[in-house]
Amino acid sequence: MKNHIDLGAETVEFVRTRMEEVLGEDPQNICRVEWNVKEVKEQIFRLFYDYQVMHGWPHVAANTALILGYDHRAINKMLKKQHSKHE
């Protein structure tokens, strides 16, 4: 296994491949694509955060901030925002 895995680069490559598959050469296909980037960002945040919580790992907010390239205070704001959404 690699020592360092850049999921950002892998995600961009996946999106590029899917975009070519979906759009092809027909400009009309653009109507077939929907991607709420803000929602995807929140889902990815929750995936990393919840995974660590489920496994009982320490320093979840700090680790999530490091992985996602955020300041740890931003992670706390995201948690508060998502918590208030579900109330």
PDB file of N, CA and C in Angstrom:
ATOM      1  N   MET A   1       0.840  -1.180   0.000  1.00  0.00           N
ATOM      2  CA  MET A   1       0.000   0.000   0.000  1.00  0.00           C
ATOM      3  C   MET A   1       0.888   1.248   0.000  1.00  0.00           C
ATOM      4  N   LYS A   2       0.431   2.264  -0.710  1.00  0.00           N
ATOM      5  CA  LYS A   2       1.170   3.526  -0.768  1.00  0.00           C
ATOM      6  C   LYS A   2       1.265   4.155   0.611  1.00  0.00           C
ATOM      7  N   ASN A   3       2.316   4.920   0.831  1.00  0.00           N
ATOM      8  CA  ASN A   3       2.461   5.657   2.083  1.00  0.00           C
ATOM      9  C   ASN A   3       1.545   6.875   2.133  1.00  0.00           C
ATOM     10  N   HIS A   4       1.317   7.483   0.977  1.00  0.00           N
ATOM     11  CA  HIS A   4       0.495   8.701   0.917  1.00  0.00           C
ATOM     12  C   HIS A   4      -0.527   8.525  -0.201  1.00  0.00           C
ATOM     13  N   ILE A   5      -1.783   8.687   0.127  1.00  0.00           N
ATOM     14  CA  ILE A   5      -2.857   8.532  -0.862  1.00  0.00           C
ATOM     15  C   ILE A   5      -3.577   9.867  -0.998  1.00  0.00           C
ATOM     16  N   ASP A   6      -3.581  10.410  -2.198  1.00  0.00           N
ATOM     17  CA  ASP A   6      -4.233  11.689  -2.477  1.00  0.00           C
ATOM     18  C   ASP A   6      -5.628  11.407  -3.026  1.00  0.00           C
ATOM     19  N   LEU A   7      -6.618  11.382  -2.140  1.00  0.00           N
ATOM     20  CA  LEU A   7      -7.986  11.118  -2.574  1.00  0.00           C
ATOM     21  C   LEU A   7      -8.538  12.254  -3.426  1.00  0.00           C
ATOM     22  N   GLY A   8      -8.004  13.453  -3.260  1.00  0.00           N
ATOM     23  CA  GLY A   8      -8.430  14.575  -4.102  1.00  0.00           C
ATOM     24  C   GLY A   8      -8.118  14.312  -5.563  1.00  0.00           C
ATOM     25  N   ALA A   9      -6.898  13.873  -5.840  1.00  0.00           N
ATOM     26  CA  ALA A   9      -6.498  13.569  -7.216  1.00  0.00           C
ATOM     27  C   ALA A   9      -7.314  12.401  -7.769  1.00  0.00           C
ATOM     28  N   GLU A  10      -7.555  11.396  -6.922  1.00  0.00           N
ATOM     29  CA  GLU A  10      -8.362  10.254  -7.361  1.00  0.00           C
ATOM     30  C   GLU A  10      -9.798  10.683  -7.663  1.00  0.00           C
ATOM     31  N   THR A  11     -10.329  11.588  -6.858  1.00  0.00           N
ATOM     32  CA  THR A  11     -11.689  12.076  -7.072  1.00  0.00           C
ATOM     33  C   THR A  11     -11.788  12.858  -8.370  1.00  0.00           C
ATOM     34  N   VAL A  12     -10.814  13.725  -8.614  1.00  0.00           N
ATOM     35  CA  VAL A  12     -10.815  14.506  -9.857  1.00  0.00           C
ATOM     36  C   VAL A  12     -10.751  13.579 -11.063  1.00  0.00           C
ATOM     37  N   GLU A  13      -9.924  12.553 -11.010  1.00  0.00           N
ATOM     38  CA  GLU A  13      -9.824  11.607 -12.119  1.00  0.00           C
ATOM     39  C   GLU A  13     -11.135  10.857 -12.313  1.00  0.00           C
ATOM     40  N   PHE A  14     -11.770  10.450 -11.219  1.00  0.00           N
ATOM     41  CA  PHE A  14     -13.068   9.770 -11.308  1.00  0.00           C
ATOM     42  C   PHE A  14     -14.102  10.679 -11.968  1.00  0.00           C
ATOM     43  N   VAL A  15     -14.178  11.942 -11.521  1.00  0.00           N
ATOM     44  CA  VAL A  15     -15.153  12.879 -12.079  1.00  0.00           C
ATOM     45  C   VAL A  15     -14.863  13.129 -13.556  1.00  0.00           C
ATOM     46  N   ARG A  16     -13.592  13.273 -13.908  1.00  0.00           N
ATOM     47  CA  ARG A  16     -13.222  13.481 -15.307  1.00  0.00           C
ATOM     48  C   ARG A  16     -13.701  12.310 -16.172  1.00  0.00           C
ATOM     49  N   THR A  17     -13.473  11.106 -15.719  1.00  0.00           N
ATOM     50  CA  THR A  17     -13.878   9.906 -16.458  1.00  0.00           C
ATOM     51  C   THR A  17     -15.393   9.841 -16.586  1.00  0.00           C
ATOM     52  N   ARG A  18     -16.103  10.048 -15.472  1.00  0.00           N
ATOM     53  CA  ARG A  18     -17.572  10.010 -15.515  1.00  0.00           C
ATOM     54  C   ARG A  18     -18.133  11.122 -16.390  1.00  0.00           C
ATOM     55  N   MET A  19     -17.532  12.298 -16.341  1.00  0.00           N
ATOM     56  CA  MET A  19     -17.988  13.408 -17.153  1.00  0.00           C
ATOM     57  C   MET A  19     -17.888  13.049 -18.635  1.00  0.00           C
ATOM     58  N   GLU A  20     -16.770  12.458 -19.023  1.00  0.00           N
ATOM     59  CA  GLU A  20     -16.600  12.051 -20.417  1.00  0.00           C
ATOM     60  C   GLU A  20     -17.620  10.988 -20.803  1.00  0.00           C
ATOM     61  N   GLU A  21     -17.905  10.052 -19.884  1.00  0.00           N
ATOM     62  CA  GLU A  21     -18.887   9.005 -20.159  1.00  0.00           C
ATOM     63  C   GLU A  21     -20.296   9.578 -20.309  1.00  0.00           C
ATOM     64  N   VAL A  22     -20.656  10.495 -19.420  1.00  0.00           N
ATOM     65  CA  VAL A  22     -22.010  11.039 -19.407  1.00  0.00           C
ATOM     66  C   VAL A  22     -22.219  12.071 -20.504  1.00  0.00           C
ATOM     67  N   LEU A  23     -21.256  12.979 -20.672  1.00  0.00           N
ATOM     68  CA  LEU A  23     -21.428  14.058 -21.641  1.00  0.00           C
ATOM     69  C   LEU A  23     -21.119  13.625 -23.063  1.00  0.00           C
ATOM     70  N   GLY A  24     -20.098  12.804 -23.218  1.00  0.00           N
ATOM     71  CA  GLY A  24     -19.712  12.388 -24.563  1.00  0.00           C
ATOM     72  C   GLY A  24     -19.459  13.593 -25.454  1.00  0.00           C
ATOM     73  N   GLU A  25     -19.970  13.527 -26.656  1.00  0.00           N
ATOM     74  CA  GLU A  25     -19.793  14.612 -27.629  1.00  0.00           C
ATOM     75  C   GLU A  25     -21.070  15.418 -27.843  1.00  0.00           C
ATOM     76  N   ASP A  26     -22.120  15.111 -27.074  1.00  0.00           N
ATOM     77  CA  ASP A  26     -23.423  15.746 -27.274  1.00  0.00           C
ATOM     78  C   ASP A  26     -23.663  16.822 -26.222  1.00  0.00           C
ATOM     79  N   PRO A  27     -23.705  18.105 -26.622  1.00  0.00           N
ATOM     80  CA  PRO A  27     -23.920  19.176 -25.655  1.00  0.00           C
ATOM     81  C   PRO A  27     -25.264  19.067 -24.929  1.00  0.00           C
ATOM     82  N   GLN A  28     -26.212  18.355 -25.494  1.00  0.00           N
ATOM     83  CA  GLN A  28     -27.516  18.168 -24.839  1.00  0.00           C
ATOM     84  C   GLN A  28     -27.394  17.340 -23.558  1.00  0.00           C
ATOM     85  N   ASN A  29     -26.333  16.564 -23.469  1.00  0.00           N
ATOM     86  CA  ASN A  29     -26.141  15.713 -22.289  1.00  0.00           C
ATOM     87  C   ASN A  29     -25.845  16.497 -21.021  1.00  0.00           C
ATOM     88  N   ILE A  30     -25.506  17.774 -21.158  1.00  0.00           N
ATOM     89  CA  ILE A  30     -25.212  18.582 -19.966  1.00  0.00           C
ATOM     90  C   ILE A  30     -26.423  18.626 -19.041  1.00  0.00           C
ATOM     91  N   CYS A  31     -27.619  18.484 -19.593  1.00  0.00           N
ATOM     92  CA  CYS A  31     -28.850  18.487 -18.794  1.00  0.00           C
ATOM     93  C   CYS A  31     -28.966  17.239 -17.922  1.00  0.00           C
ATOM     94  N   ARG A  32     -28.170  16.216 -18.192  1.00  0.00           N
ATOM     95  CA  ARG A  32     -28.205  14.975 -17.428  1.00  0.00           C
ATOM     96  C   ARG A  32     -27.370  15.053 -16.152  1.00  0.00           C
ATOM     97  N   VAL A  33     -26.566  16.094 -16.027  1.00  0.00           N
ATOM     98  CA  VAL A  33     -25.612  16.174 -14.916  1.00  0.00           C
ATOM     99  C   VAL A  33     -26.152  17.062 -13.810  1.00  0.00           C
ATOM    100  N   GLU A  34     -26.057  16.557 -12.597  1.00  0.00           N
ATOM    101  CA  GLU A  34     -26.383  17.336 -11.405  1.00  0.00           C
ATOM    102  C   GLU A  34     -25.315  17.039 -10.375  1.00  0.00           C
ATOM    103  N   TRP A  35     -24.783  18.099  -9.752  1.00  0.00           N
ATOM    104  CA  TRP A  35     -23.757  17.892  -8.733  1.00  0.00           C
ATOM    105  C   TRP A  35     -23.737  19.089  -7.806  1.00  0.00           C
ATOM    106  N   ASN A  36     -24.291  18.916  -6.631  1.00  0.00           N
ATOM    107  CA  ASN A  36     -24.297  19.967  -5.626  1.00  0.00           C
ATOM    108  C   ASN A  36     -22.984  19.853  -4.847  1.00  0.00           C
ATOM    109  N   VAL A  37     -22.008  20.634  -5.232  1.00  0.00           N
ATOM    110  CA  VAL A  37     -20.660  20.537  -4.662  1.00  0.00           C
ATOM    111  C   VAL A  37     -20.679  20.805  -3.160  1.00  0.00           C
ATOM    112  N   LYS A  38     -21.485  21.743  -2.719  1.00  0.00           N
ATOM    113  CA  LYS A  38     -21.568  22.048  -1.290  1.00  0.00           C
ATOM    114  C   LYS A  38     -22.060  20.822  -0.520  1.00  0.00           C
ATOM    115  N   GLU A  39     -23.069  20.160  -1.035  1.00  0.00           N
ATOM    116  CA  GLU A  39     -23.596  18.966  -0.385  1.00  0.00           C
ATOM    117  C   GLU A  39     -22.570  17.829  -0.393  1.00  0.00           C
ATOM    118  N   VAL A  40     -21.858  17.676  -1.494  1.00  0.00           N
ATOM    119  CA  VAL A  40     -20.824  16.644  -1.587  1.00  0.00           C
ATOM    120  C   VAL A  40     -19.727  16.906  -0.561  1.00  0.00           C
ATOM    121  N   LYS A  41     -19.333  18.156  -0.423  1.00  0.00           N
ATOM    122  CA  LYS A  41     -18.310  18.526   0.557  1.00  0.00           C
ATOM    123  C   LYS A  41     -18.756  18.135   1.962  1.00  0.00           C
ATOM    124  N   GLU A  42     -19.999  18.425   2.280  1.00  0.00           N
ATOM    125  CA  GLU A  42     -20.521  18.084   3.603  1.00  0.00           C
ATOM    126  C   GLU A  42     -20.577  16.572   3.803  1.00  0.00           C
ATOM    127  N   GLN A  43     -20.945  15.837   2.768  1.00  0.00           N
ATOM    128  CA  GLN A  43     -21.004  14.380   2.872  1.00  0.00           C
ATOM    129  C   GLN A  43     -19.613  13.778   3.063  1.00  0.00           C
ATOM    130  N   ILE A  44     -18.638  14.294   2.352  1.00  0.00           N
ATOM    131  CA  ILE A  44     -17.263  13.793   2.491  1.00  0.00           C
ATOM    132  C   ILE A  44     -16.748  14.094   3.894  1.00  0.00           C
ATOM    133  N   PHE A  45     -17.022  15.292   4.386  1.00  0.00           N
ATOM    134  CA  PHE A  45     -16.648  15.630   5.755  1.00  0.00           C
ATOM    135  C   PHE A  45     -17.233  14.614   6.723  1.00  0.00           C
ATOM    136  N   ARG A  46     -18.533  14.314   6.582  1.00  0.00           N
ATOM    137  CA  ARG A  46     -19.184  13.373   7.491  1.00  0.00           C
ATOM    138  C   ARG A  46     -18.608  11.971   7.347  1.00  0.00           C
ATOM    139  N   LEU A  47     -18.265  11.564   6.145  1.00  0.00           N
ATOM    140  CA  LEU A  47     -17.668  10.243   5.947  1.00  0.00           C
ATOM    141  C   LEU A  47     -16.391  10.094   6.766  1.00  0.00           C
ATOM    142  N   PHE A  48     -15.493  11.063   6.647  1.00  0.00           N
ATOM    143  CA  PHE A  48     -14.224  10.993   7.384  1.00  0.00           C
ATOM    144  C   PHE A  48     -14.446  11.126   8.889  1.00  0.00           C
ATOM    145  N   TYR A  49     -15.288  12.061   9.279  1.00  0.00           N
ATOM    146  CA  TYR A  49     -15.515  12.299  10.699  1.00  0.00           C
ATOM    147  C   TYR A  49     -16.178  11.085  11.345  1.00  0.00           C
ATOM    148  N   ASP A  50     -17.276  10.613  10.766  1.00  0.00           N
ATOM    149  CA  ASP A  50     -18.031   9.509  11.349  1.00  0.00           C
ATOM    150  C   ASP A  50     -17.235   8.211  11.365  1.00  0.00           C
ATOM    151  N   TYR A  51     -16.422   7.983  10.352  1.00  0.00           N
ATOM    152  CA  TYR A  51     -15.591   6.776  10.316  1.00  0.00           C
ATOM    153  C   TYR A  51     -14.684   6.705  11.539  1.00  0.00           C
ATOM    154  N   GLN A  52     -14.062   7.822  11.847  1.00  0.00           N
ATOM    155  CA  GLN A  52     -13.160   7.868  12.999  1.00  0.00           C
ATOM    156  C   GLN A  52     -13.921   7.693  14.309  1.00  0.00           C
ATOM    157  N   VAL A  53     -15.088   8.312  14.396  1.00  0.00           N
ATOM    158  CA  VAL A  53     -15.901   8.182  15.606  1.00  0.00           C
ATOM    159  C   VAL A  53     -16.323   6.728  15.792  1.00  0.00           C
ATOM    160  N   MET A  54     -16.791   6.095  14.728  1.00  0.00           N
ATOM    161  CA  MET A  54     -17.236   4.699  14.800  1.00  0.00           C
ATOM    162  C   MET A  54     -16.121   3.760  15.255  1.00  0.00           C
ATOM    163  N   HIS A  55     -14.893   4.091  14.904  1.00  0.00           N
ATOM    164  CA  HIS A  55     -13.760   3.245  15.266  1.00  0.00           C
ATOM    165  C   HIS A  55     -13.103   3.664  16.584  1.00  0.00           C
ATOM    166  N   GLY A  56     -13.650   4.693  17.212  1.00  0.00           N
ATOM    167  CA  GLY A  56     -13.136   5.129  18.507  1.00  0.00           C
ATOM    168  C   GLY A  56     -11.760   5.751  18.455  1.00  0.00           C
ATOM    169  N   TRP A  57     -11.431   6.366  17.333  1.00  0.00           N
ATOM    170  CA  TRP A  57     -10.122   6.982  17.181  1.00  0.00           C
ATOM    171  C   TRP A  57     -10.057   8.304  17.940  1.00  0.00           C
ATOM    172  N   PRO A  58      -8.874   8.674  18.435  1.00  0.00           N
ATOM    173  CA  PRO A  58      -8.737   9.947  19.150  1.00  0.00           C
ATOM    174  C   PRO A  58      -8.587  11.127  18.186  1.00  0.00           C
ATOM    175  N   HIS A  59      -8.820  12.320  18.701  1.00  0.00           N
ATOM    176  CA  HIS A  59      -8.556  13.581  17.975  1.00  0.00           C
ATOM    177  C   HIS A  59      -9.295  13.649  16.632  1.00  0.00           C
ATOM    178  N   VAL A  60     -10.548  13.270  16.641  1.00  0.00           N
ATOM    179  CA  VAL A  60     -11.322  13.173  15.401  1.00  0.00           C
ATOM    180  C   VAL A  60     -11.397  14.507  14.666  1.00  0.00           C
ATOM    181  N   ALA A  61     -11.735  15.582  15.360  1.00  0.00           N
ATOM    182  CA  ALA A  61     -11.855  16.883  14.687  1.00  0.00           C
ATOM    183  C   ALA A  61     -10.511  17.322  14.114  1.00  0.00           C
ATOM    184  N   ALA A  62      -9.440  17.159  14.885  1.00  0.00           N
ATOM    185  CA  ALA A  62      -8.105  17.564  14.411  1.00  0.00           C
ATOM    186  C   ALA A  62      -7.674  16.722  13.213  1.00  0.00           C
ATOM    187  N   ASN A  63      -7.912  15.419  13.271  1.00  0.00           N
ATOM    188  CA  ASN A  63      -7.546  14.550  12.143  1.00  0.00           C
ATOM    189  C   ASN A  63      -8.355  14.874  10.900  1.00  0.00           C
ATOM    190  N   THR A  64      -9.646  15.128  11.096  1.00  0.00           N
ATOM    191  CA  THR A  64     -10.498  15.468   9.958  1.00  0.00           C
ATOM    192  C   THR A  64     -10.032  16.775   9.326  1.00  0.00           C
ATOM    193  N   ALA A  65      -9.674  17.740  10.148  1.00  0.00           N
ATOM    194  CA  ALA A  65      -9.168  19.011   9.639  1.00  0.00           C
ATOM    195  C   ALA A  65      -7.891  18.792   8.828  1.00  0.00           C
ATOM    196  N   LEU A  66      -7.010  17.961   9.322  1.00  0.00           N
ATOM    197  CA  LEU A  66      -5.751  17.679   8.633  1.00  0.00           C
ATOM    198  C   LEU A  66      -5.999  17.006   7.279  1.00  0.00           C
ATOM    199  N   ILE A  67      -6.869  16.004   7.256  1.00  0.00           N
ATOM    200  CA  ILE A  67      -7.166  15.271   6.027  1.00  0.00           C
ATOM    201  C   ILE A  67      -7.789  16.191   4.974  1.00  0.00           C
ATOM    202  N   LEU A  68      -8.732  17.014   5.409  1.00  0.00           N
ATOM    203  CA  LEU A  68      -9.491  17.840   4.472  1.00  0.00           C
ATOM    204  C   LEU A  68      -8.863  19.198   4.197  1.00  0.00           C
ATOM    205  N   GLY A  69      -7.774  19.513   4.899  1.00  0.00           N
ATOM    206  CA  GLY A  69      -7.099  20.780   4.662  1.00  0.00           C
ATOM    207  C   GLY A  69      -7.821  21.965   5.266  1.00  0.00           C
ATOM    208  N   TYR A  70      -8.525  21.740   6.377  1.00  0.00           N
ATOM    209  CA  TYR A  70      -9.237  22.808   7.070  1.00  0.00           C
ATOM    210  C   TYR A  70      -8.546  23.123   8.380  1.00  0.00           C
ATOM    211  N   ASP A  71      -8.824  24.298   8.897  1.00  0.00           N
ATOM    212  CA  ASP A  71      -8.449  24.645  10.260  1.00  0.00           C
ATOM    213  C   ASP A  71      -9.402  23.884  11.182  1.00  0.00           C
ATOM    214  N   HIS A  72      -8.934  23.446  12.335  1.00  0.00           N
ATOM    215  CA  HIS A  72      -9.782  22.657  13.224  1.00  0.00           C
ATOM    216  C   HIS A  72     -11.020  23.429  13.688  1.00  0.00           C
ATOM    217  N   ARG A  73     -10.921  24.753  13.721  1.00  0.00           N
ATOM    218  CA  ARG A  73     -12.092  25.560  14.096  1.00  0.00           C
ATOM    219  C   ARG A  73     -13.185  25.461  13.040  1.00  0.00           C
ATOM    220  N   ALA A  74     -12.791  25.319  11.773  1.00  0.00           N
ATOM    221  CA  ALA A  74     -13.778  25.159  10.697  1.00  0.00           C
ATOM    222  C   ALA A  74     -14.530  23.843  10.856  1.00  0.00           C
ATOM    223  N   ILE A  75     -13.832  22.816  11.322  1.00  0.00           N
ATOM    224  CA  ILE A  75     -14.476  21.520  11.544  1.00  0.00           C
ATOM    225  C   ILE A  75     -15.531  21.659  12.633  1.00  0.00           C
ATOM    226  N   ASN A  76     -15.197  22.351  13.700  1.00  0.00           N
ATOM    227  CA  ASN A  76     -16.171  22.563  14.771  1.00  0.00           C
ATOM    228  C   ASN A  76     -17.382  23.349  14.282  1.00  0.00           C
ATOM    229  N   LYS A  77     -17.166  24.333  13.420  1.00  0.00           N
ATOM    230  CA  LYS A  77     -18.287  25.089  12.844  1.00  0.00           C
ATOM    231  C   LYS A  77     -19.151  24.183  11.977  1.00  0.00           C
ATOM    232  N   MET A  78     -18.517  23.300  11.186  1.00  0.00           N
ATOM    233  CA  MET A  78     -19.275  22.380  10.338  1.00  0.00           C
ATOM    234  C   MET A  78     -20.113  21.430  11.195  1.00  0.00           C
ATOM    235  N   LEU A  79     -19.544  20.965  12.289  1.00  0.00           N
ATOM    236  CA  LEU A  79     -20.282  20.079  13.188  1.00  0.00           C
ATOM    237  C   LEU A  79     -21.500  20.787  13.775  1.00  0.00           C
ATOM    238  N   LYS A  80     -21.300  22.024  14.220  1.00  0.00           N
ATOM    239  CA  LYS A  80     -22.413  22.792  14.792  1.00  0.00           C
ATOM    240  C   LYS A  80     -23.488  23.036  13.742  1.00  0.00           C
ATOM    241  N   LYS A  81     -23.066  23.356  12.529  1.00  0.00           N
ATOM    242  CA  LYS A  81     -24.015  23.621  11.442  1.00  0.00           C
ATOM    243  C   LYS A  81     -24.831  22.377  11.131  1.00  0.00           C
ATOM    244  N   GLN A  82     -24.177  21.233  11.035  1.00  0.00           N
ATOM    245  CA  GLN A  82     -24.893  20.004  10.709  1.00  0.00           C
ATOM    246  C   GLN A  82     -25.783  19.575  11.874  1.00  0.00           C
ATOM    247  N   HIS A  83     -25.331  19.819  13.090  1.00  0.00           N
ATOM    248  CA  HIS A  83     -26.145  19.481  14.251  1.00  0.00           C
ATOM    249  C   HIS A  83     -27.417  20.307  14.258  1.00  0.00           C
ATOM    250  N   SER A  84     -27.301  21.591  13.943  1.00  0.00           N
ATOM    251  CA  SER A  84     -28.476  22.473  13.955  1.00  0.00           C
ATOM    252  C   SER A  84     -29.442  22.121  12.810  1.00  0.00           C
ATOM    253  N   LYS A  85     -28.951  21.558  11.718  1.00  0.00           N
ATOM    254  CA  LYS A  85     -29.796  21.128  10.610  1.00  0.00           C
ATOM    255  C   LYS A  85     -30.710  19.984  11.027  1.00  0.00           C
ATOM    256  N   HIS A  86     -30.222  19.137  11.919  1.00  0.00           N
ATOM    257  CA  HIS A  86     -30.955  17.928  12.275  1.00  0.00           C
ATOM    258  C   HIS A  86     -31.839  18.101  13.510  1.00  0.00           C
ATOM    259  N   GLU A  87     -31.913  19.303  14.019  1.00  0.00           N
ATOM    260  CA  GLU A  87     -32.762  19.538  15.195  1.00  0.00           C
ATOM    261  C   GLU A  87     -34.153  19.927  14.780  1.00  0.00           C
TER     262      GLU A  87
END
